[in-house]
Amino acid sequence: MKHQISRIDLRLPPRWCGWRPGDAPRVAQRFATDLTSGPVAAARLRSAIEAVDRAVVGHHSRHVRAGAWVPEPSGDVVAGLACELLAEVPDGPGAAASYLHRVRRKIYRSRTQTTRYAYHATSLREVPAGDAVVTLRSHGVLRHEVIWTVLPPGSAEAVELRFDTRSSERYQDLITHAETIAHGLQVVLAAPRPSTVLPGAPRPPAPRPAPAPSPPGGAVPATAP
């Protein structure tokens, strides 16, 4: 039986901040206080965090976490993070290999058609939370992505960690940070639900009691007078 994901835990490196999508207006001030120096930098970071949050919420997908990397106290966000649960993923022992094949088909089509994506590499990796497919791609020269799709064993879902940056100089650093975060990912699966009988559905027949054993020697039991 395949289980759904009930909880994920992300361990972010220093100078990263993370929150639940939609919570940015409530937590942005705390992050600005912790990661910046001065009111101008704090205002810049608050505005950037809320922009990242709006972008994640605007996808109307199953995003469960958002994040931002703020390397310097100036408050500039260098990279963003969107964590999403994926439902339509392969299952079984070769789930990650099947998903890798799916991604490579997309890469092949991108090379024969006009597309905004330029794929650099895709590979199969293993982290404590399960097998993973890692994809590196760019949107022209202005935006670069690192995508970790982790498929926990026994789950009907996958966890996608999508990192993006507009800094070509920081792209390699982001790849390193993404791997660190993926290795720290913890996934909790929901317990299986007990089976229930719907109203009006036929119930299975009750087991019939076993007949009483015959007396020794085949004798007929005595009856009351």
C-alpha atoms as a PDB file:
ATOM      1  CA  MET A   1       0.000   0.000   0.000  1.00  0.00           C
ATOM      2  CA  LYS A   2       1.340   3.415  -0.987  1.00  0.00           C
ATOM      3  CA  HIS A   3       1.263   6.132   1.664  1.00  0.00           C
ATOM      4  CA  GLN A   4       0.790   9.857   1.339  1.00  0.00           C
ATOM      5  CA  ILE A   5       3.307  12.325   2.753  1.00  0.00           C
ATOM      6  CA  SER A   6       2.038  13.838   5.999  1.00  0.00           C
ATOM      7  CA  ARG A   7       5.009  16.059   6.918  1.00  0.00           C
ATOM      8  CA  ILE A   8       8.340  17.256   5.621  1.00  0.00           C
ATOM      9  CA  ASP A   9      11.200  18.897   7.508  1.00  0.00           C
ATOM     10  CA  LEU A  10      13.760  21.091   5.772  1.00  0.00           C
ATOM     11  CA  ARG A  11      17.087  21.922   7.402  1.00  0.00           C
ATOM     12  CA  LEU A  12      18.298  25.128   5.807  1.00  0.00           C
ATOM     13  CA  PRO A  13      21.942  26.284   5.893  1.00  0.00           C
ATOM     14  CA  PRO A  14      22.973  29.574   7.506  1.00  0.00           C
ATOM     15  CA  ARG A  15      21.785  32.725   5.725  1.00  0.00           C
ATOM     16  CA  TRP A  16      18.669  30.901   4.476  1.00  0.00           C
ATOM     17  CA  CYS A  17      15.132  31.523   5.695  1.00  0.00           C
ATOM     18  CA  GLY A  18      12.071  29.356   5.160  1.00  0.00           C
ATOM     19  CA  TRP A  19       8.336  29.667   5.744  1.00  0.00           C
ATOM     20  CA  ARG A  20       4.968  28.199   4.798  1.00  0.00           C
ATOM     21  CA  PRO A  21       3.529  29.698   1.595  1.00  0.00           C
ATOM     22  CA  GLY A  22       1.251  32.596   2.469  1.00  0.00           C
ATOM     23  CA  ASP A  23       2.986  33.337   5.794  1.00  0.00           C
ATOM     24  CA  ALA A  24       5.528  35.849   4.453  1.00  0.00           C
ATOM     25  CA  PRO A  25       3.728  38.978   5.713  1.00  0.00           C
ATOM     26  CA  ARG A  26       3.823  37.523   9.213  1.00  0.00           C
ATOM     27  CA  VAL A  27       7.440  36.291   9.296  1.00  0.00           C
ATOM     28  CA  ALA A  28       9.265  38.716   6.983  1.00  0.00           C
ATOM     29  CA  GLN A  29      10.084  41.193   9.746  1.00  0.00           C
ATOM     30  CA  ARG A  30      11.698  38.505  11.906  1.00  0.00           C
ATOM     31  CA  PHE A  31      13.884  37.349   9.016  1.00  0.00           C
ATOM     32  CA  ALA A  32      14.811  40.946   8.195  1.00  0.00           C
ATOM     33  CA  THR A  33      15.927  41.488  11.791  1.00  0.00           C
ATOM     34  CA  ASP A  34      18.029  38.314  11.799  1.00  0.00           C
ATOM     35  CA  LEU A  35      19.650  38.606   8.359  1.00  0.00           C
ATOM     36  CA  THR A  36      20.168  42.307   7.646  1.00  0.00           C
ATOM     37  CA  SER A  37      21.893  45.346   9.100  1.00  0.00           C
ATOM     38  CA  GLY A  38      20.019  48.642   8.990  1.00  0.00           C
ATOM     39  CA  PRO A  39      16.477  49.715   8.150  1.00  0.00           C
ATOM     40  CA  VAL A  40      17.074  50.066   4.407  1.00  0.00           C
ATOM     41  CA  ALA A  41      18.372  46.506   4.084  1.00  0.00           C
ATOM     42  CA  ALA A  42      15.531  45.231   6.299  1.00  0.00           C
ATOM     43  CA  ALA A  43      12.915  46.891   4.101  1.00  0.00           C
ATOM     44  CA  ARG A  44      14.586  45.474   0.989  1.00  0.00           C
ATOM     45  CA  LEU A  45      14.510  41.934   2.389  1.00  0.00           C
ATOM     46  CA  ARG A  46      10.908  42.182   3.576  1.00  0.00           C
ATOM     47  CA  SER A  47       9.840  43.265   0.118  1.00  0.00           C
ATOM     48  CA  ALA A  48      11.845  40.475  -1.550  1.00  0.00           C
ATOM     49  CA  ILE A  49      10.490  37.753   0.755  1.00  0.00           C
ATOM     50  CA  GLU A  50       6.922  38.843   0.103  1.00  0.00           C
ATOM     51  CA  ALA A  51       7.630  38.820  -3.650  1.00  0.00           C
ATOM     52  CA  VAL A  52       8.975  35.245  -3.455  1.00  0.00           C
ATOM     53  CA  ASP A  53       5.939  34.242  -1.423  1.00  0.00           C
ATOM     54  CA  ARG A  54       3.488  35.738  -3.937  1.00  0.00           C
ATOM     55  CA  ALA A  55       5.232  33.923  -6.781  1.00  0.00           C
ATOM     56  CA  VAL A  56       4.994  30.558  -4.976  1.00  0.00           C
ATOM     57  CA  VAL A  57       1.360  31.031  -3.934  1.00  0.00           C
ATOM     58  CA  GLY A  58       0.484  32.207  -7.434  1.00  0.00           C
ATOM     59  CA  HIS A  59       1.323  28.810  -8.921  1.00  0.00           C
ATOM     60  CA  HIS A  60      -1.750  27.298  -7.188  1.00  0.00           C
ATOM     61  CA  SER A  61       0.118  24.036  -6.745  1.00  0.00           C
ATOM     62  CA  ARG A  62       0.796  21.827  -3.734  1.00  0.00           C
ATOM     63  CA  HIS A  63       3.626  23.961  -2.397  1.00  0.00           C
ATOM     64  CA  VAL A  64       4.347  23.308   1.268  1.00  0.00           C
ATOM     65  CA  ARG A  65       7.460  25.437   1.841  1.00  0.00           C
ATOM     66  CA  ALA A  66       9.099  28.547   0.406  1.00  0.00           C
ATOM     67  CA  GLY A  67      12.542  29.922   1.118  1.00  0.00           C
ATOM     68  CA  ALA A  68      15.182  32.492   0.247  1.00  0.00           C
ATOM     69  CA  TRP A  69      18.968  32.721   0.377  1.00  0.00           C
ATOM     70  CA  VAL A  70      20.333  36.033   1.678  1.00  0.00           C
ATOM     71  CA  PRO A  71      24.153  35.777   1.592  1.00  0.00           C
ATOM     72  CA  GLU A  72      24.885  39.347   2.663  1.00  0.00           C
ATOM     73  CA  PRO A  73      23.457  41.737   5.312  1.00  0.00           C
ATOM     74  CA  SER A  74      22.492  44.082   2.466  1.00  0.00           C
ATOM     75  CA  GLY A  75      19.183  42.187   2.249  1.00  0.00           C
ATOM     76  CA  ASP A  76      19.495  41.105  -1.373  1.00  0.00           C
ATOM     77  CA  VAL A  77      17.864  37.734  -2.082  1.00  0.00           C
ATOM     78  CA  VAL A  78      20.190  35.770  -4.342  1.00  0.00           C
ATOM     79  CA  ALA A  79      18.074  32.598  -4.690  1.00  0.00           C
ATOM     80  CA  GLY A  80      14.599  31.317  -3.964  1.00  0.00           C
ATOM     81  CA  LEU A  81      13.241  27.919  -2.971  1.00  0.00           C
ATOM     82  CA  ALA A  82       9.835  26.364  -3.662  1.00  0.00           C
ATOM     83  CA  CYS A  83       9.032  22.952  -2.168  1.00  0.00           C
ATOM     84  CA  GLU A  84       6.105  21.111  -3.740  1.00  0.00           C
ATOM     85  CA  LEU A  85       4.464  17.692  -3.354  1.00  0.00           C
ATOM     86  CA  LEU A  86       4.037  15.855  -6.660  1.00  0.00           C
ATOM     87  CA  ALA A  87       1.278  13.270  -7.041  1.00  0.00           C
ATOM     88  CA  GLU A  88       1.723  11.996 -10.602  1.00  0.00           C
ATOM     89  CA  VAL A  89       4.995  10.126 -10.198  1.00  0.00           C
ATOM     90  CA  PRO A  90       6.054   6.567 -11.005  1.00  0.00           C
ATOM     91  CA  ASP A  91       5.974   3.971  -8.246  1.00  0.00           C
ATOM     92  CA  GLY A  92       7.679   0.680  -7.600  1.00  0.00           C
ATOM     93  CA  PRO A  93      11.349  -0.257  -7.160  1.00  0.00           C
ATOM     94  CA  GLY A  94      12.439   1.610 -10.301  1.00  0.00           C
ATOM     95  CA  ALA A  95      10.420   4.781  -9.652  1.00  0.00           C
ATOM     96  CA  ALA A  96      13.395   7.156  -9.727  1.00  0.00           C
ATOM     97  CA  ALA A  97      14.801   5.599 -12.914  1.00  0.00           C
ATOM     98  CA  SER A  98      11.376   5.904 -14.557  1.00  0.00           C
ATOM     99  CA  TYR A  99      11.128   9.537 -13.528  1.00  0.00           C
ATOM    100  CA  LEU A 100      14.650  10.168 -14.843  1.00  0.00           C
ATOM    101  CA  HIS A 101      13.578   8.672 -18.175  1.00  0.00           C
ATOM    102  CA  ARG A 102      10.586  11.030 -18.215  1.00  0.00           C
ATOM    103  CA  VAL A 103      12.820  14.054 -17.641  1.00  0.00           C
ATOM    104  CA  ARG A 104      15.253  12.955 -20.326  1.00  0.00           C
ATOM    105  CA  ARG A 105      12.386  12.700 -22.815  1.00  0.00           C
ATOM    106  CA  LYS A 106      11.598  16.339 -22.036  1.00  0.00           C
ATOM    107  CA  ILE A 107      15.228  17.223 -22.624  1.00  0.00           C
ATOM    108  CA  TYR A 108      15.193  15.433 -25.976  1.00  0.00           C
ATOM    109  CA  ARG A 109      12.058  17.294 -27.054  1.00  0.00           C
ATOM    110  CA  SER A 110      13.593  20.593 -25.933  1.00  0.00           C
ATOM    111  CA  ARG A 111      16.469  20.022 -28.342  1.00  0.00           C
ATOM    112  CA  THR A 112      14.168  19.453 -31.290  1.00  0.00           C
ATOM    113  CA  GLN A 113      11.617  22.173 -30.549  1.00  0.00           C
ATOM    114  CA  THR A 114      11.620  25.849 -29.687  1.00  0.00           C
ATOM    115  CA  THR A 115      11.634  26.099 -25.910  1.00  0.00           C
ATOM    116  CA  ARG A 116      12.629  28.598 -23.270  1.00  0.00           C
ATOM    117  CA  TYR A 117      14.565  25.985 -21.272  1.00  0.00           C
ATOM    118  CA  ALA A 118      18.182  24.978 -21.760  1.00  0.00           C
ATOM    119  CA  TYR A 119      19.027  21.774 -19.891  1.00  0.00           C
ATOM    120  CA  HIS A 120      22.562  21.292 -18.657  1.00  0.00           C
ATOM    121  CA  ALA A 121      22.486  17.940 -16.860  1.00  0.00           C
ATOM    122  CA  THR A 122      20.228  15.387 -15.202  1.00  0.00           C
ATOM    123  CA  SER A 123      21.264  12.541 -12.951  1.00  0.00           C
ATOM    124  CA  LEU A 124      20.101   9.940 -10.456  1.00  0.00           C
ATOM    125  CA  ARG A 125      21.155  10.453  -6.837  1.00  0.00           C
ATOM    126  CA  GLU A 126      20.392   8.973  -3.421  1.00  0.00           C
ATOM    127  CA  VAL A 127      19.652  10.895  -0.217  1.00  0.00           C
ATOM    128  CA  PRO A 128      18.415   9.688   3.198  1.00  0.00           C
ATOM    129  CA  ALA A 129      14.789  10.481   2.250  1.00  0.00           C
ATOM    130  CA  GLY A 130      14.938   8.307  -0.896  1.00  0.00           C
ATOM    131  CA  ASP A 131      16.173   8.166  -4.471  1.00  0.00           C
ATOM    132  CA  ALA A 132      16.261  11.483  -6.293  1.00  0.00           C
ATOM    133  CA  VAL A 133      16.467  12.934  -9.781  1.00  0.00           C
ATOM    134  CA  VAL A 134      18.552  16.120 -10.099  1.00  0.00           C
ATOM    135  CA  THR A 135      18.037  18.491 -13.015  1.00  0.00           C
ATOM    136  CA  LEU A 136      20.064  21.590 -13.887  1.00  0.00           C
ATOM    137  CA  ARG A 137      18.540  23.996 -16.393  1.00  0.00           C
ATOM    138  CA  SER A 138      18.398  27.671 -17.359  1.00  0.00           C
ATOM    139  CA  HIS A 139      15.864  30.120 -18.755  1.00  0.00           C
ATOM    140  CA  GLY A 140      18.086  31.912 -21.235  1.00  0.00           C
ATOM    141  CA  VAL A 141      20.959  33.685 -19.476  1.00  0.00           C
ATOM    142  CA  LEU A 142      18.841  35.395 -16.820  1.00  0.00           C
ATOM    143  CA  ARG A 143      17.553  32.571 -14.638  1.00  0.00           C
ATOM    144  CA  HIS A 144      19.079  29.282 -13.533  1.00  0.00           C
ATOM    145  CA  GLU A 145      17.456  26.368 -11.705  1.00  0.00           C
ATOM    146  CA  VAL A 146      18.429  23.338  -9.634  1.00  0.00           C
ATOM    147  CA  ILE A 147      15.602  20.822  -9.200  1.00  0.00           C
ATOM    148  CA  TRP A 148      15.760  17.909  -6.771  1.00  0.00           C
ATOM    149  CA  THR A 149      12.844  15.465  -7.084  1.00  0.00           C
ATOM    150  CA  VAL A 150      12.991  13.060  -4.135  1.00  0.00           C
ATOM    151  CA  LEU A 151      10.870   9.895  -4.253  1.00  0.00           C
ATOM    152  CA  PRO A 152      10.510   8.458  -0.720  1.00  0.00           C
ATOM    153  CA  PRO A 153      10.150   4.660  -0.687  1.00  0.00           C
ATOM    154  CA  GLY A 154       6.618   3.478   0.015  1.00  0.00           C
ATOM    155  CA  SER A 155       5.048   6.816  -0.912  1.00  0.00           C
ATOM    156  CA  ALA A 156       2.620   7.637  -3.698  1.00  0.00           C
ATOM    157  CA  GLU A 157       4.067  11.173  -3.848  1.00  0.00           C
ATOM    158  CA  ALA A 158       7.396  12.904  -4.424  1.00  0.00           C
ATOM    159  CA  VAL A 159       8.986  16.006  -2.928  1.00  0.00           C
ATOM    160  CA  GLU A 160      10.259  18.548  -5.429  1.00  0.00           C
ATOM    161  CA  LEU A 161      12.818  21.106  -4.239  1.00  0.00           C
ATOM    162  CA  ARG A 162      13.107  23.807  -6.888  1.00  0.00           C
ATOM    163  CA  PHE A 163      15.874  26.391  -6.456  1.00  0.00           C
ATOM    164  CA  ASP A 164      16.309  29.347  -8.788  1.00  0.00           C
ATOM    165  CA  THR A 165      18.663  32.294  -9.092  1.00  0.00           C
ATOM    166  CA  ARG A 166      19.317  35.159 -11.469  1.00  0.00           C
ATOM    167  CA  SER A 167      22.991  35.246 -10.545  1.00  0.00           C
ATOM    168  CA  SER A 168      25.244  33.285 -12.885  1.00  0.00           C
ATOM    169  CA  GLU A 169      28.142  33.897 -10.506  1.00  0.00           C
ATOM    170  CA  ARG A 170      26.287  32.255  -7.625  1.00  0.00           C
ATOM    171  CA  TYR A 171      24.830  29.347  -9.586  1.00  0.00           C
ATOM    172  CA  GLN A 172      27.526  26.862  -8.585  1.00  0.00           C
ATOM    173  CA  ASP A 173      27.140  27.897  -4.939  1.00  0.00           C
ATOM    174  CA  LEU A 174      23.387  27.335  -5.241  1.00  0.00           C
ATOM    175  CA  ILE A 175      23.980  23.835  -6.606  1.00  0.00           C
ATOM    176  CA  THR A 176      26.038  23.065  -3.493  1.00  0.00           C
ATOM    177  CA  HIS A 177      23.407  24.520  -1.150  1.00  0.00           C
ATOM    178  CA  ALA A 178      20.654  22.574  -2.907  1.00  0.00           C
ATOM    179  CA  GLU A 179      22.486  19.302  -2.374  1.00  0.00           C
ATOM    180  CA  THR A 180      22.978  20.096   1.315  1.00  0.00           C
ATOM    181  CA  ILE A 181      19.274  20.855   1.765  1.00  0.00           C
ATOM    182  CA  ALA A 182      18.231  17.720  -0.138  1.00  0.00           C
ATOM    183  CA  HIS A 183      20.434  15.546   2.068  1.00  0.00           C
ATOM    184  CA  GLY A 184      18.821  17.078   5.170  1.00  0.00           C
ATOM    185  CA  LEU A 185      15.259  16.543   3.944  1.00  0.00           C
ATOM    186  CA  GLN A 186      13.116  14.431   6.266  1.00  0.00           C
ATOM    187  CA  VAL A 187       9.814  12.938   5.126  1.00  0.00           C
ATOM    188  CA  VAL A 188       7.091  11.430   7.321  1.00  0.00           C
ATOM    189  CA  LEU A 189       4.483   9.200   5.700  1.00  0.00           C
ATOM    190  CA  ALA A 190       0.877   9.047   6.844  1.00  0.00           C
ATOM    191  CA  ALA A 191      -0.314   5.895   8.583  1.00  0.00           C
ATOM    192  CA  PRO A 192      -2.648   3.721   6.473  1.00  0.00           C
ATOM    193  CA  ARG A 193      -6.309   4.431   7.036  1.00  0.00           C
ATOM    194  CA  PRO A 194      -8.482   1.571   8.343  1.00  0.00           C
ATOM    195  CA  SER A 195     -10.913   0.197   5.792  1.00  0.00           C
ATOM    196  CA  THR A 196     -14.491   1.386   6.203  1.00  0.00           C
ATOM    197  CA  VAL A 197     -17.821   0.077   4.906  1.00  0.00           C
ATOM    198  CA  LEU A 198     -19.808   2.707   3.037  1.00  0.00           C
ATOM    199  CA  PRO A 199     -23.501   3.111   3.908  1.00  0.00           C
ATOM    200  CA  GLY A 200     -25.625   0.771   1.803  1.00  0.00           C
ATOM    201  CA  ALA A 201     -22.648  -1.335   0.726  1.00  0.00           C
ATOM    202  CA  PRO A 202     -23.072  -5.112   1.133  1.00  0.00           C
ATOM    203  CA  ARG A 203     -21.304  -6.493   4.158  1.00  0.00           C
ATOM    204  CA  PRO A 204     -19.299  -9.694   3.968  1.00  0.00           C
ATOM    205  CA  PRO A 205     -21.176 -12.742   5.332  1.00  0.00           C
ATOM    206  CA  ALA A 206     -20.489 -13.591   8.958  1.00  0.00           C
ATOM    207  CA  PRO A 207     -18.441 -16.773   9.457  1.00  0.00           C
ATOM    208  CA  ARG A 208     -20.582 -19.825  10.282  1.00  0.00           C
ATOM    209  CA  PRO A 209     -19.810 -21.592  13.595  1.00  0.00           C
ATOM    210  CA  ALA A 210     -18.039 -24.912  13.301  1.00  0.00           C
ATOM    211  CA  PRO A 211     -20.185 -27.998  14.091  1.00  0.00           C
ATOM    212  CA  ALA A 212     -19.779 -29.582  17.521  1.00  0.00           C
ATOM    213  CA  PRO A 213     -17.413 -32.561  17.555  1.00  0.00           C
ATOM    214  CA  SER A 214     -18.949 -36.067  17.634  1.00  0.00           C
ATOM    215  CA  PRO A 215     -18.586 -38.123  20.840  1.00  0.00           C
ATOM    216  CA  PRO A 216     -15.770 -40.677  20.929  1.00  0.00           C
ATOM    217  CA  GLY A 217     -16.475 -43.923  19.118  1.00  0.00           C
ATOM    218  CA  GLY A 218     -19.239 -42.438  17.022  1.00  0.00           C
ATOM    219  CA  ALA A 219     -21.820 -42.679  19.893  1.00  0.00           C
ATOM    220  CA  VAL A 220     -24.912 -40.527  19.703  1.00  0.00           C
ATOM    221  CA  PRO A 221     -25.119 -37.969  22.508  1.00  0.00           C
ATOM    222  CA  ALA A 222     -27.835 -38.445  25.029  1.00  0.00           C
ATOM    223  CA  THR A 223     -30.952 -36.259  24.904  1.00  0.00           C
ATOM    224  CA  ALA A 224     -32.925 -34.826  27.744  1.00  0.00           C
ATOM    225  CA  PRO A 225     -36.042 -36.807  28.693  1.00  0.00           C
END
